[in-house]
Amino acid sequence: MDITGFLRFIGGLALFLYGMHVLGEGLARLSGGKLEGILARMTDSPFKGVLLGAGVTAVIQSSSATTVMVVGFVNAGIMQLKQAVGIILGANIGTTITSWILSLSGIQGDALFLKLLKPENFAPIAAIVGVSFLMFGSSDRKKEIGGILAGFAVLMTGMDTMSAAVAPLRDIPSFTRLFTAFQNPMMGLIAGAVLTAIIQSSSASVGILQALCATGTIPYAAAIPIILGQNIGTCITALLSSIGASTNGRRAAFIHLYFNLIGTALFLPVVYLLRYLFPIGLFQQAATPASVALIHSLFNVSAVFLLLPFSYKLVALARLSVPDKAYCGAPEQS
């Protein structure tokens, strides 16, 4: 990749991140501030919390934003720690929606309906409608909808720009060798975690991986550890937001971290045990944007169903990590 290709990729990434920000902000405004109230009220059982966390995150397109809201509620005393667990777990499911939307770019077919499903084809329509609403909308609601559609169009344009910029890499042997190194699980985990921690968005990080997978040169053996690392790296936002928070506020951020760490510790050995017991060559095949979305979803959904019955253990683990401060008076309610 020459300097112009690199600049196109960085420019596409900038558009992608900005579009995601505009989309999430617009959806949050359109809700009229109701999401915060719903989060605080409908958490009387962990299962309801999971559904609520998944739904809210699917709407605002950011598990980090949902988790940060939860940390804020716990910090303010609006929500107890045991109420927060389900929402934090559900947020990991809701964040997979973005990767499925991005995977639509791989749809093949000559039918008009299938062509319109491809993001590069319906993004211009969303842009036209969105900008029209922004310029000529007669109400704030129409302008907010216009902002959402425009943000979505910018996001998809950024994704398409990134994919086009990295497409020539498929013919460069050194690029392929780079991802051969990531077939080492620890290397892949670290790479995914660091990238996601830097840009503070697992959805954006997964989108970058999907753009690279569109080149057809990244095997499953490299993609899987990176995806798992991305889930760990996204915890950095909640951890940063908990700095200076109350004891329970910091515990909520640690629950998010422990969920992803334990999920990875359970998932990765099983995957690689299957790889060595049944060496069918799948791991050396090229991953696709759709398969990245599928792996991302399988990991998060499986981890939630495995760990939800032990949610109280996550709370206990967070308490051990962030013990009560030694002071007179009653400890914080959790």
C-alpha atoms as a PDB file:
ATOM      1  CA  MET A   1       0.000   0.000   0.000  1.00  0.00           C
ATOM      2  CA  ASP A   2       1.446   3.374  -1.027  1.00  0.00           C
ATOM      3  CA  ILE A   3       0.950   6.652   0.812  1.00  0.00           C
ATOM      4  CA  THR A   4      -2.205   7.524  -1.127  1.00  0.00           C
ATOM      5  CA  GLY A   5      -3.746   4.151  -0.307  1.00  0.00           C
ATOM      6  CA  PHE A   6      -2.851   4.617   3.350  1.00  0.00           C
ATOM      7  CA  LEU A   7      -4.431   8.083   3.352  1.00  0.00           C
ATOM      8  CA  ARG A   8      -7.596   6.663   1.764  1.00  0.00           C
ATOM      9  CA  PHE A   9      -7.759   3.994   4.457  1.00  0.00           C
ATOM     10  CA  ILE A  10      -7.275   6.543   7.280  1.00  0.00           C
ATOM     11  CA  GLY A  11      -9.816   8.848   5.646  1.00  0.00           C
ATOM     12  CA  GLY A  12     -12.279   5.969   5.364  1.00  0.00           C
ATOM     13  CA  LEU A  13     -11.703   5.102   9.019  1.00  0.00           C
ATOM     14  CA  ALA A  14     -12.329   8.726   9.998  1.00  0.00           C
ATOM     15  CA  LEU A  15     -15.610   8.745   8.066  1.00  0.00           C
ATOM     16  CA  PHE A  16     -16.571   5.386   9.602  1.00  0.00           C
ATOM     17  CA  LEU A  17     -15.957   6.607  13.171  1.00  0.00           C
ATOM     18  CA  TYR A  18     -17.686   9.937  12.577  1.00  0.00           C
ATOM     19  CA  GLY A  19     -20.664   8.253  10.948  1.00  0.00           C
ATOM     20  CA  MET A  20     -20.971   5.853  13.878  1.00  0.00           C
ATOM     21  CA  HIS A  21     -20.814   8.787  16.306  1.00  0.00           C
ATOM     22  CA  VAL A  22     -23.476  10.765  14.423  1.00  0.00           C
ATOM     23  CA  LEU A  23     -25.692   7.688  14.096  1.00  0.00           C
ATOM     24  CA  GLY A  24     -25.471   6.830  17.790  1.00  0.00           C
ATOM     25  CA  GLU A  25     -25.991  10.428  18.926  1.00  0.00           C
ATOM     26  CA  GLY A  26     -28.979  10.848  16.624  1.00  0.00           C
ATOM     27  CA  LEU A  27     -30.648   7.647  17.796  1.00  0.00           C
ATOM     28  CA  ALA A  28     -30.102   8.643  21.416  1.00  0.00           C
ATOM     29  CA  ARG A  29     -31.656  12.089  20.804  1.00  0.00           C
ATOM     30  CA  LEU A  30     -34.582  10.568  18.930  1.00  0.00           C
ATOM     31  CA  SER A  31     -35.370   8.463  21.985  1.00  0.00           C
ATOM     32  CA  GLY A  32     -35.985  11.728  23.842  1.00  0.00           C
ATOM     33  CA  GLY A  33     -33.814  10.758  26.790  1.00  0.00           C
ATOM     34  CA  LYS A  34     -36.051   7.776  27.537  1.00  0.00           C
ATOM     35  CA  LEU A  35     -33.289   5.186  27.261  1.00  0.00           C
ATOM     36  CA  GLU A  36     -31.683   6.246  30.521  1.00  0.00           C
ATOM     37  CA  GLY A  37     -34.970   5.992  32.405  1.00  0.00           C
ATOM     38  CA  ILE A  38     -35.755   2.583  30.896  1.00  0.00           C
ATOM     39  CA  LEU A  39     -32.302   1.302  31.848  1.00  0.00           C
ATOM     40  CA  ALA A  40     -32.751   2.442  35.419  1.00  0.00           C
ATOM     41  CA  ARG A  41     -36.253   0.949  35.854  1.00  0.00           C
ATOM     42  CA  MET A  42     -36.498  -2.362  33.989  1.00  0.00           C
ATOM     43  CA  THR A  43     -33.770  -4.329  35.742  1.00  0.00           C
ATOM     44  CA  ASP A  44     -35.611  -6.423  38.303  1.00  0.00           C
ATOM     45  CA  SER A  45     -34.145  -9.671  36.884  1.00  0.00           C
ATOM     46  CA  PRO A  46     -30.836 -10.489  35.148  1.00  0.00           C
ATOM     47  CA  PHE A  47     -32.632 -11.925  32.085  1.00  0.00           C
ATOM     48  CA  LYS A  48     -34.659  -8.723  31.621  1.00  0.00           C
ATOM     49  CA  GLY A  49     -31.415  -6.828  32.012  1.00  0.00           C
ATOM     50  CA  VAL A  50     -29.815  -8.842  29.198  1.00  0.00           C
ATOM     51  CA  LEU A  51     -32.738  -8.151  26.853  1.00  0.00           C
ATOM     52  CA  LEU A  52     -32.729  -4.479  27.788  1.00  0.00           C
ATOM     53  CA  GLY A  53     -28.965  -4.117  27.396  1.00  0.00           C
ATOM     54  CA  ALA A  54     -29.065  -5.849  24.003  1.00  0.00           C
ATOM     55  CA  GLY A  55     -31.956  -3.695  22.810  1.00  0.00           C
ATOM     56  CA  VAL A  56     -30.501  -0.374  23.929  1.00  0.00           C
ATOM     57  CA  THR A  57     -27.084  -1.206  22.477  1.00  0.00           C
ATOM     58  CA  ALA A  58     -28.624  -2.278  19.162  1.00  0.00           C
ATOM     59  CA  VAL A  59     -30.349   1.113  19.026  1.00  0.00           C
ATOM     60  CA  ILE A  60     -27.383   3.322  19.926  1.00  0.00           C
ATOM     61  CA  GLN A  61     -24.841   1.044  18.180  1.00  0.00           C
ATOM     62  CA  SER A  62     -22.310   1.105  21.021  1.00  0.00           C
ATOM     63  CA  SER A  63     -21.783  -1.350  23.863  1.00  0.00           C
ATOM     64  CA  SER A  64     -19.249   1.082  25.317  1.00  0.00           C
ATOM     65  CA  ALA A  65     -21.890   3.835  25.536  1.00  0.00           C
ATOM     66  CA  THR A  66     -24.358   1.473  27.221  1.00  0.00           C
ATOM     67  CA  THR A  67     -21.762   0.277  29.724  1.00  0.00           C
ATOM     68  CA  VAL A  68     -20.646   3.842  30.467  1.00  0.00           C
ATOM     69  CA  MET A  69     -24.294   4.772  31.145  1.00  0.00           C
ATOM     70  CA  VAL A  70     -24.587   1.824  33.528  1.00  0.00           C
ATOM     71  CA  VAL A  71     -21.384   2.819  35.331  1.00  0.00           C
ATOM     72  CA  GLY A  72     -22.858   6.300  35.697  1.00  0.00           C
ATOM     73  CA  PHE A  73     -26.135   4.968  37.123  1.00  0.00           C
ATOM     74  CA  VAL A  74     -24.346   2.729  39.607  1.00  0.00           C
ATOM     75  CA  ASN A  75     -22.036   5.577  40.547  1.00  0.00           C
ATOM     76  CA  ALA A  76     -25.048   7.841  41.179  1.00  0.00           C
ATOM     77  CA  GLY A  77     -26.805   5.201  43.248  1.00  0.00           C
ATOM     78  CA  ILE A  78     -29.721   4.954  40.784  1.00  0.00           C
ATOM     79  CA  MET A  79     -28.954   1.298  40.045  1.00  0.00           C
ATOM     80  CA  GLN A  80     -27.556  -1.452  42.238  1.00  0.00           C
ATOM     81  CA  LEU A  81     -24.604  -3.517  41.083  1.00  0.00           C
ATOM     82  CA  LYS A  82     -26.646  -6.724  40.778  1.00  0.00           C
ATOM     83  CA  GLN A  83     -29.068  -4.873  38.462  1.00  0.00           C
ATOM     84  CA  ALA A  84     -26.222  -3.697  36.254  1.00  0.00           C
ATOM     85  CA  VAL A  85     -24.840  -7.168  35.461  1.00  0.00           C
ATOM     86  CA  GLY A  86     -27.604  -8.199  33.043  1.00  0.00           C
ATOM     87  CA  ILE A  87     -27.438  -4.940  31.115  1.00  0.00           C
ATOM     88  CA  ILE A  88     -23.654  -5.170  30.771  1.00  0.00           C
ATOM     89  CA  LEU A  89     -23.939  -8.743  29.471  1.00  0.00           C
ATOM     90  CA  GLY A  90     -26.742  -7.819  27.078  1.00  0.00           C
ATOM     91  CA  ALA A  91     -24.739  -4.911  25.685  1.00  0.00           C
ATOM     92  CA  ASN A  92     -22.244  -7.433  24.301  1.00  0.00           C
ATOM     93  CA  ILE A  93     -25.045  -9.051  22.283  1.00  0.00           C
ATOM     94  CA  GLY A  94     -26.468  -5.771  21.012  1.00  0.00           C
ATOM     95  CA  THR A  95     -23.121  -4.622  19.663  1.00  0.00           C
ATOM     96  CA  THR A  96     -23.072  -7.491  17.135  1.00  0.00           C
ATOM     97  CA  ILE A  97     -25.808  -5.799  15.073  1.00  0.00           C
ATOM     98  CA  THR A  98     -23.321  -3.410  13.467  1.00  0.00           C
ATOM     99  CA  SER A  99     -21.131  -6.244  12.177  1.00  0.00           C
ATOM    100  CA  TRP A 100     -24.151  -7.911  10.539  1.00  0.00           C
ATOM    101  CA  ILE A 101     -25.108  -4.668   8.783  1.00  0.00           C
ATOM    102  CA  LEU A 102     -21.542  -4.279   7.517  1.00  0.00           C
ATOM    103  CA  SER A 103     -21.488  -7.907   6.332  1.00  0.00           C
ATOM    104  CA  LEU A 104     -24.275  -7.141   3.842  1.00  0.00           C
ATOM    105  CA  SER A 105     -21.570  -5.837   1.495  1.00  0.00           C
ATOM    106  CA  GLY A 106     -20.741  -9.466   0.671  1.00  0.00           C
ATOM    107  CA  ILE A 107     -24.201 -10.304  -0.679  1.00  0.00           C
ATOM    108  CA  GLN A 108     -24.028 -11.776  -4.170  1.00  0.00           C
ATOM    109  CA  GLY A 109     -26.798 -11.824  -6.757  1.00  0.00           C
ATOM    110  CA  ASP A 110     -28.210 -10.000  -9.774  1.00  0.00           C
ATOM    111  CA  ALA A 111     -31.717  -9.428  -8.396  1.00  0.00           C
ATOM    112  CA  LEU A 112     -32.573  -5.767  -7.767  1.00  0.00           C
ATOM    113  CA  PHE A 113     -33.624  -6.523  -4.171  1.00  0.00           C
ATOM    114  CA  LEU A 114     -30.268  -8.164  -3.396  1.00  0.00           C
ATOM    115  CA  LYS A 115     -28.388  -5.307  -5.024  1.00  0.00           C
ATOM    116  CA  LEU A 116     -30.266  -2.767  -2.904  1.00  0.00           C
ATOM    117  CA  LEU A 117     -29.334  -4.695   0.252  1.00  0.00           C
ATOM    118  CA  LYS A 118     -25.664  -4.000  -0.381  1.00  0.00           C
ATOM    119  CA  PRO A 119     -24.578  -1.027   1.773  1.00  0.00           C
ATOM    120  CA  GLU A 120     -22.779   0.721  -1.074  1.00  0.00           C
ATOM    121  CA  ASN A 121     -26.103   0.828  -2.941  1.00  0.00           C
ATOM    122  CA  PHE A 122     -28.519   1.856  -0.189  1.00  0.00           C
ATOM    123  CA  ALA A 123     -26.094   4.257   1.504  1.00  0.00           C
ATOM    124  CA  PRO A 124     -26.570   6.897  -1.267  1.00  0.00           C
ATOM    125  CA  ILE A 125     -30.354   6.582  -0.858  1.00  0.00           C
ATOM    126  CA  ALA A 126     -29.989   7.085   2.899  1.00  0.00           C
ATOM    127  CA  ALA A 127     -27.750  10.108   2.233  1.00  0.00           C
ATOM    128  CA  ILE A 128     -30.235  11.723  -0.164  1.00  0.00           C
ATOM    129  CA  VAL A 129     -33.201  11.225   2.174  1.00  0.00           C
ATOM    130  CA  GLY A 130     -31.173  12.225   5.251  1.00  0.00           C
ATOM    131  CA  VAL A 131     -29.787  15.439   3.775  1.00  0.00           C
ATOM    132  CA  SER A 132     -33.246  16.333   2.433  1.00  0.00           C
ATOM    133  CA  PHE A 133     -34.718  15.960   5.914  1.00  0.00           C
ATOM    134  CA  LEU A 134     -31.892  18.006   7.419  1.00  0.00           C
ATOM    135  CA  MET A 135     -32.289  20.841   4.926  1.00  0.00           C
ATOM    136  CA  PHE A 136     -36.050  20.908   4.439  1.00  0.00           C
ATOM    137  CA  GLY A 137     -37.448  19.127   7.504  1.00  0.00           C
ATOM    138  CA  SER A 138     -40.254  21.092   9.153  1.00  0.00           C
ATOM    139  CA  SER A 139     -39.819  19.562  12.618  1.00  0.00           C
ATOM    140  CA  ASP A 140     -36.992  18.648  14.966  1.00  0.00           C
ATOM    141  CA  ARG A 141     -37.979  14.980  14.719  1.00  0.00           C
ATOM    142  CA  LYS A 142     -37.538  14.979  10.938  1.00  0.00           C
ATOM    143  CA  LYS A 143     -34.180  16.690  11.304  1.00  0.00           C
ATOM    144  CA  GLU A 144     -33.089  14.069  13.855  1.00  0.00           C
ATOM    145  CA  ILE A 145     -34.139  11.279  11.486  1.00  0.00           C
ATOM    146  CA  GLY A 146     -32.224  13.058   8.730  1.00  0.00           C
ATOM    147  CA  GLY A 147     -29.129  13.171  10.918  1.00  0.00           C
ATOM    148  CA  ILE A 148     -29.431   9.443  11.635  1.00  0.00           C
ATOM    149  CA  LEU A 149     -29.734   8.585   7.940  1.00  0.00           C
ATOM    150  CA  ALA A 150     -26.859  10.889   7.017  1.00  0.00           C
ATOM    151  CA  GLY A 151     -24.705   9.390   9.766  1.00  0.00           C
ATOM    152  CA  PHE A 152     -25.469   5.909   8.491  1.00  0.00           C
ATOM    153  CA  ALA A 153     -24.547   6.931   4.952  1.00  0.00           C
ATOM    154  CA  VAL A 154     -21.237   8.419   6.143  1.00  0.00           C
ATOM    155  CA  LEU A 155     -20.503   5.251   8.145  1.00  0.00           C
ATOM    156  CA  MET A 156     -21.107   2.974   5.149  1.00  0.00           C
ATOM    157  CA  THR A 157     -19.148   5.263   2.819  1.00  0.00           C
ATOM    158  CA  GLY A 158     -16.223   5.056   5.231  1.00  0.00           C
ATOM    159  CA  MET A 159     -16.470   1.271   5.314  1.00  0.00           C
ATOM    160  CA  ASP A 160     -16.524   1.114   1.498  1.00  0.00           C
ATOM    161  CA  THR A 161     -13.533   3.480   1.307  1.00  0.00           C
ATOM    162  CA  MET A 162     -11.532   1.329   3.747  1.00  0.00           C
ATOM    163  CA  SER A 163     -12.351  -1.837   1.794  1.00  0.00           C
ATOM    164  CA  ALA A 164     -11.291  -0.252  -1.500  1.00  0.00           C
ATOM    165  CA  ALA A 165      -8.065   1.068   0.037  1.00  0.00           C
ATOM    166  CA  VAL A 166      -6.938  -2.327   1.355  1.00  0.00           C
ATOM    167  CA  ALA A 167      -8.056  -4.341  -1.694  1.00  0.00           C
ATOM    168  CA  PRO A 168      -4.598  -4.159  -3.393  1.00  0.00           C
ATOM    169  CA  LEU A 169      -3.021  -5.742  -0.290  1.00  0.00           C
ATOM    170  CA  ARG A 170      -4.274  -9.171  -1.355  1.00  0.00           C
ATOM    171  CA  ASP A 171      -1.451  -9.295  -3.911  1.00  0.00           C
ATOM    172  CA  ILE A 172       1.314  -8.360  -1.428  1.00  0.00           C
ATOM    173  CA  PRO A 173       3.004 -11.420   0.174  1.00  0.00           C
ATOM    174  CA  SER A 174       4.223  -9.467   3.221  1.00  0.00           C
ATOM    175  CA  PHE A 175       0.618  -8.598   4.102  1.00  0.00           C
ATOM    176  CA  THR A 176      -0.342 -12.269   4.096  1.00  0.00           C
ATOM    177  CA  ARG A 177       2.704 -13.142   6.215  1.00  0.00           C
ATOM    178  CA  LEU A 178       1.706 -10.475   8.753  1.00  0.00           C
ATOM    179  CA  PHE A 179      -1.598 -12.231   9.429  1.00  0.00           C
ATOM    180  CA  THR A 180       0.146 -15.577   9.564  1.00  0.00           C
ATOM    181  CA  ALA A 181       1.787 -14.246  12.747  1.00  0.00           C
ATOM    182  CA  PHE A 182      -1.662 -13.428  14.132  1.00  0.00           C
ATOM    183  CA  GLN A 183      -2.585 -17.121  13.894  1.00  0.00           C
ATOM    184  CA  ASN A 184      -0.760 -17.354  17.219  1.00  0.00           C
ATOM    185  CA  PRO A 185      -3.734 -16.913  19.620  1.00  0.00           C
ATOM    186  CA  MET A 186      -1.910 -14.579  22.003  1.00  0.00           C
ATOM    187  CA  MET A 187      -0.636 -12.361  19.183  1.00  0.00           C
ATOM    188  CA  GLY A 188      -4.130 -12.122  17.729  1.00  0.00           C
ATOM    189  CA  LEU A 189      -5.688 -11.376  21.124  1.00  0.00           C
ATOM    190  CA  ILE A 190      -3.177  -8.606  21.799  1.00  0.00           C
ATOM    191  CA  ALA A 191      -3.598  -7.093  18.321  1.00  0.00           C
ATOM    192  CA  GLY A 192      -7.401  -7.042  18.580  1.00  0.00           C
ATOM    193  CA  ALA A 193      -7.366  -5.671  22.130  1.00  0.00           C
ATOM    194  CA  VAL A 194      -4.831  -2.914  21.399  1.00  0.00           C
ATOM    195  CA  LEU A 195      -6.570  -1.751  18.204  1.00  0.00           C
ATOM    196  CA  THR A 196      -9.961  -1.619  19.924  1.00  0.00           C
ATOM    197  CA  ALA A 197      -8.553   0.117  22.997  1.00  0.00           C
ATOM    198  CA  ILE A 198      -6.986   2.801  20.782  1.00  0.00           C
ATOM    199  CA  ILE A 199     -10.155   3.620  18.817  1.00  0.00           C
ATOM    200  CA  GLN A 200     -12.435   2.766  21.797  1.00  0.00           C
ATOM    201  CA  SER A 201     -15.057   0.980  19.705  1.00  0.00           C
ATOM    202  CA  SER A 202     -15.394  -2.751  19.141  1.00  0.00           C
ATOM    203  CA  SER A 203     -17.888  -2.091  16.318  1.00  0.00           C
ATOM    204  CA  ALA A 204     -15.340   0.058  14.483  1.00  0.00           C
ATOM    205  CA  SER A 205     -12.576  -2.459  15.176  1.00  0.00           C
ATOM    206  CA  VAL A 206     -14.708  -5.316  13.835  1.00  0.00           C
ATOM    207  CA  GLY A 207     -15.536  -3.162  10.810  1.00  0.00           C
ATOM    208  CA  ILE A 208     -11.819  -2.720  10.087  1.00  0.00           C
ATOM    209  CA  LEU A 209     -11.324  -6.486  10.339  1.00  0.00           C
ATOM    210  CA  GLN A 210     -14.253  -7.064   7.979  1.00  0.00           C
ATOM    211  CA  ALA A 211     -12.733  -4.643   5.482  1.00  0.00           C
ATOM    212  CA  LEU A 212      -9.439  -6.565   5.655  1.00  0.00           C
ATOM    213  CA  CYS A 213     -11.252  -9.902   5.335  1.00  0.00           C
ATOM    214  CA  ALA A 214     -12.830  -8.647   2.116  1.00  0.00           C
ATOM    215  CA  THR A 215      -9.361  -9.025   0.549  1.00  0.00           C
ATOM    216  CA  GLY A 216      -9.696 -12.800   0.957  1.00  0.00           C
ATOM    217  CA  THR A 217      -6.267 -13.184   2.562  1.00  0.00           C
ATOM    218  CA  ILE A 218      -7.045 -13.439   6.299  1.00  0.00           C
ATOM    219  CA  PRO A 219      -7.617 -17.025   7.530  1.00  0.00           C
ATOM    220  CA  TYR A 220     -10.006 -17.989  10.316  1.00  0.00           C
ATOM    221  CA  ALA A 221      -6.992 -18.926  12.445  1.00  0.00           C
ATOM    222  CA  ALA A 222      -5.984 -15.242  12.487  1.00  0.00           C
ATOM    223  CA  ALA A 223      -9.477 -13.708  12.547  1.00  0.00           C
ATOM    224  CA  ILE A 224     -10.838 -15.608  15.583  1.00  0.00           C
ATOM    225  CA  PRO A 225      -8.209 -14.464  18.137  1.00  0.00           C
ATOM    226  CA  ILE A 226      -8.460 -10.887  16.845  1.00  0.00           C
ATOM    227  CA  ILE A 227     -12.245 -10.911  17.330  1.00  0.00           C
ATOM    228  CA  LEU A 228     -11.854 -12.191  20.886  1.00  0.00           C
ATOM    229  CA  GLY A 229      -9.223  -9.551  21.597  1.00  0.00           C
ATOM    230  CA  GLN A 230     -11.569  -6.856  20.287  1.00  0.00           C
ATOM    231  CA  ASN A 231     -14.124  -7.821  22.936  1.00  0.00           C
ATOM    232  CA  ILE A 232     -11.480  -7.347  25.620  1.00  0.00           C
ATOM    233  CA  GLY A 233     -10.212  -4.045  24.200  1.00  0.00           C
ATOM    234  CA  THR A 234     -13.673  -2.467  24.219  1.00  0.00           C
ATOM    235  CA  CYS A 235     -13.654  -2.606  28.040  1.00  0.00           C
ATOM    236  CA  ILE A 236     -11.162   0.279  28.149  1.00  0.00           C
ATOM    237  CA  THR A 237     -13.910   2.888  27.679  1.00  0.00           C
ATOM    238  CA  ALA A 238     -15.881   1.739  30.725  1.00  0.00           C
ATOM    239  CA  LEU A 239     -12.698   1.431  32.784  1.00  0.00           C
ATOM    240  CA  LEU A 240     -11.698   4.993  31.868  1.00  0.00           C
ATOM    241  CA  SER A 241     -15.182   6.268  32.697  1.00  0.00           C
ATOM    242  CA  SER A 242     -14.954   4.669  36.161  1.00  0.00           C
ATOM    243  CA  ILE A 243     -11.862   6.651  37.146  1.00  0.00           C
ATOM    244  CA  GLY A 244     -12.863   8.750  40.136  1.00  0.00           C
ATOM    245  CA  ALA A 245     -16.220   6.949  40.399  1.00  0.00           C
ATOM    246  CA  SER A 246     -17.638   5.353  43.524  1.00  0.00           C
ATOM    247  CA  THR A 247     -16.605   1.873  44.609  1.00  0.00           C
ATOM    248  CA  ASN A 248     -19.631   0.268  42.952  1.00  0.00           C
ATOM    249  CA  GLY A 249     -19.164   2.373  39.822  1.00  0.00           C
ATOM    250  CA  ARG A 250     -15.664   0.937  39.403  1.00  0.00           C
ATOM    251  CA  ARG A 251     -16.996  -2.538  40.147  1.00  0.00           C
ATOM    252  CA  ALA A 252     -19.491  -2.225  37.287  1.00  0.00           C
ATOM    253  CA  ALA A 253     -16.628  -1.478  34.876  1.00  0.00           C
ATOM    254  CA  PHE A 254     -14.707  -4.506  36.169  1.00  0.00           C
ATOM    255  CA  ILE A 255     -17.750  -6.749  35.605  1.00  0.00           C
ATOM    256  CA  HIS A 256     -17.607  -5.773  31.932  1.00  0.00           C
ATOM    257  CA  LEU A 257     -13.896  -6.632  31.814  1.00  0.00           C
ATOM    258  CA  TYR A 258     -14.269  -9.952  33.641  1.00  0.00           C
ATOM    259  CA  PHE A 259     -17.147 -11.043  31.431  1.00  0.00           C
ATOM    260  CA  ASN A 260     -14.999 -10.678  28.315  1.00  0.00           C
ATOM    261  CA  LEU A 261     -11.877 -12.150  29.903  1.00  0.00           C
ATOM    262  CA  ILE A 262     -13.720 -15.225  31.209  1.00  0.00           C
ATOM    263  CA  GLY A 263     -15.633 -15.625  27.950  1.00  0.00           C
ATOM    264  CA  THR A 264     -12.377 -15.574  26.003  1.00  0.00           C
ATOM    265  CA  ALA A 265     -10.734 -18.012  28.439  1.00  0.00           C
ATOM    266  CA  LEU A 266     -13.634 -20.436  27.864  1.00  0.00           C
ATOM    267  CA  PHE A 267     -14.088 -19.933  24.133  1.00  0.00           C
ATOM    268  CA  LEU A 268     -10.545 -19.899  22.782  1.00  0.00           C
ATOM    269  CA  PRO A 269      -9.354 -23.271  24.166  1.00  0.00           C
ATOM    270  CA  VAL A 270     -12.500 -24.992  22.847  1.00  0.00           C
ATOM    271  CA  VAL A 271     -11.993 -23.536  19.375  1.00  0.00           C
ATOM    272  CA  TYR A 272      -8.363 -24.615  19.174  1.00  0.00           C
ATOM    273  CA  LEU A 273      -9.066 -28.003  20.720  1.00  0.00           C
ATOM    274  CA  LEU A 274     -11.541 -28.603  17.897  1.00  0.00           C
ATOM    275  CA  ARG A 275      -8.909 -27.377  15.453  1.00  0.00           C
ATOM    276  CA  TYR A 276      -6.426 -30.044  16.542  1.00  0.00           C
ATOM    277  CA  LEU A 277      -8.965 -32.850  17.035  1.00  0.00           C
ATOM    278  CA  PHE A 278     -10.620 -32.280  13.661  1.00  0.00           C
ATOM    279  CA  PRO A 279      -7.979 -30.837  11.304  1.00  0.00           C
ATOM    280  CA  ILE A 280     -10.373 -30.206   8.400  1.00  0.00           C
ATOM    281  CA  GLY A 281      -8.503 -27.195   7.086  1.00  0.00           C
ATOM    282  CA  LEU A 282     -11.268 -24.686   7.901  1.00  0.00           C
ATOM    283  CA  PHE A 283      -8.914 -22.553   9.962  1.00  0.00           C
ATOM    284  CA  GLN A 284      -6.683 -21.953   6.946  1.00  0.00           C
ATOM    285  CA  GLN A 285      -9.569 -20.864   4.745  1.00  0.00           C
ATOM    286  CA  ALA A 286     -10.136 -17.160   4.177  1.00  0.00           C
ATOM    287  CA  ALA A 287     -12.582 -15.508   6.556  1.00  0.00           C
ATOM    288  CA  THR A 288     -15.318 -13.323   5.067  1.00  0.00           C
ATOM    289  CA  PRO A 289     -17.090 -10.233   6.472  1.00  0.00           C
ATOM    290  CA  ALA A 290     -20.180 -12.390   7.130  1.00  0.00           C
ATOM    291  CA  SER A 291     -18.160 -15.041   8.969  1.00  0.00           C
ATOM    292  CA  VAL A 292     -16.583 -12.331  11.151  1.00  0.00           C
ATOM    293  CA  ALA A 293     -20.097 -11.168  12.099  1.00  0.00           C
ATOM    294  CA  LEU A 294     -21.118 -14.783  12.812  1.00  0.00           C
ATOM    295  CA  ILE A 295     -18.083 -15.503  15.032  1.00  0.00           C
ATOM    296  CA  HIS A 296     -18.566 -12.192  16.847  1.00  0.00           C
ATOM    297  CA  SER A 297     -22.213 -13.074  17.535  1.00  0.00           C
ATOM    298  CA  LEU A 298     -21.550 -16.700  18.526  1.00  0.00           C
ATOM    299  CA  PHE A 299     -18.920 -15.645  21.034  1.00  0.00           C
ATOM    300  CA  ASN A 300     -21.031 -12.976  22.704  1.00  0.00           C
ATOM    301  CA  VAL A 301     -24.308 -14.921  22.761  1.00  0.00           C
ATOM    302  CA  SER A 302     -22.601 -18.112  24.009  1.00  0.00           C
ATOM    303  CA  ALA A 303     -20.683 -16.226  26.701  1.00  0.00           C
ATOM    304  CA  VAL A 304     -23.856 -14.520  27.941  1.00  0.00           C
ATOM    305  CA  PHE A 305     -25.817 -17.775  28.226  1.00  0.00           C
ATOM    306  CA  LEU A 306     -22.892 -19.497  29.947  1.00  0.00           C
ATOM    307  CA  LEU A 307     -22.170 -16.727  32.436  1.00  0.00           C
ATOM    308  CA  LEU A 308     -25.648 -15.327  33.126  1.00  0.00           C
ATOM    309  CA  PRO A 309     -26.462 -18.064  35.710  1.00  0.00           C
ATOM    310  CA  PHE A 310     -23.239 -17.072  37.505  1.00  0.00           C
ATOM    311  CA  SER A 311     -23.813 -13.327  37.395  1.00  0.00           C
ATOM    312  CA  TYR A 312     -23.572 -13.152  41.184  1.00  0.00           C
ATOM    313  CA  LYS A 313     -20.064 -14.624  40.890  1.00  0.00           C
ATOM    314  CA  LEU A 314     -19.098 -11.759  38.567  1.00  0.00           C
ATOM    315  CA  VAL A 315     -20.328  -9.349  41.237  1.00  0.00           C
ATOM    316  CA  ALA A 316     -18.290 -11.190  43.888  1.00  0.00           C
ATOM    317  CA  LEU A 317     -15.208 -11.091  41.666  1.00  0.00           C
ATOM    318  CA  ALA A 318     -15.655  -7.347  41.120  1.00  0.00           C
ATOM    319  CA  ARG A 319     -15.950  -6.860  44.890  1.00  0.00           C
ATOM    320  CA  LEU A 320     -12.675  -8.679  45.409  1.00  0.00           C
ATOM    321  CA  SER A 321     -10.996  -6.473  42.796  1.00  0.00           C
ATOM    322  CA  VAL A 322     -12.436  -3.253  44.215  1.00  0.00           C
ATOM    323  CA  PRO A 323     -12.836  -3.766  47.980  1.00  0.00           C
ATOM    324  CA  ASP A 324     -14.869  -1.471  50.184  1.00  0.00           C
ATOM    325  CA  LYS A 325     -13.014   1.563  51.415  1.00  0.00           C
ATOM    326  CA  ALA A 326     -12.204   1.605  55.113  1.00  0.00           C
ATOM    327  CA  TYR A 327     -14.404   4.308  56.524  1.00  0.00           C
ATOM    328  CA  CYS A 328     -17.073   4.744  59.190  1.00  0.00           C
ATOM    329  CA  GLY A 329     -20.630   4.103  58.149  1.00  0.00           C
ATOM    330  CA  ALA A 330     -22.505   1.540  56.093  1.00  0.00           C
ATOM    331  CA  PRO A 331     -20.844   0.073  52.991  1.00  0.00           C
ATOM    332  CA  GLU A 332     -22.193   0.897  49.559  1.00  0.00           C
ATOM    333  CA  GLN A 333     -25.276  -1.102  48.578  1.00  0.00           C
ATOM    334  CA  SER A 334     -24.622  -3.579  45.796  1.00  0.00           C
END
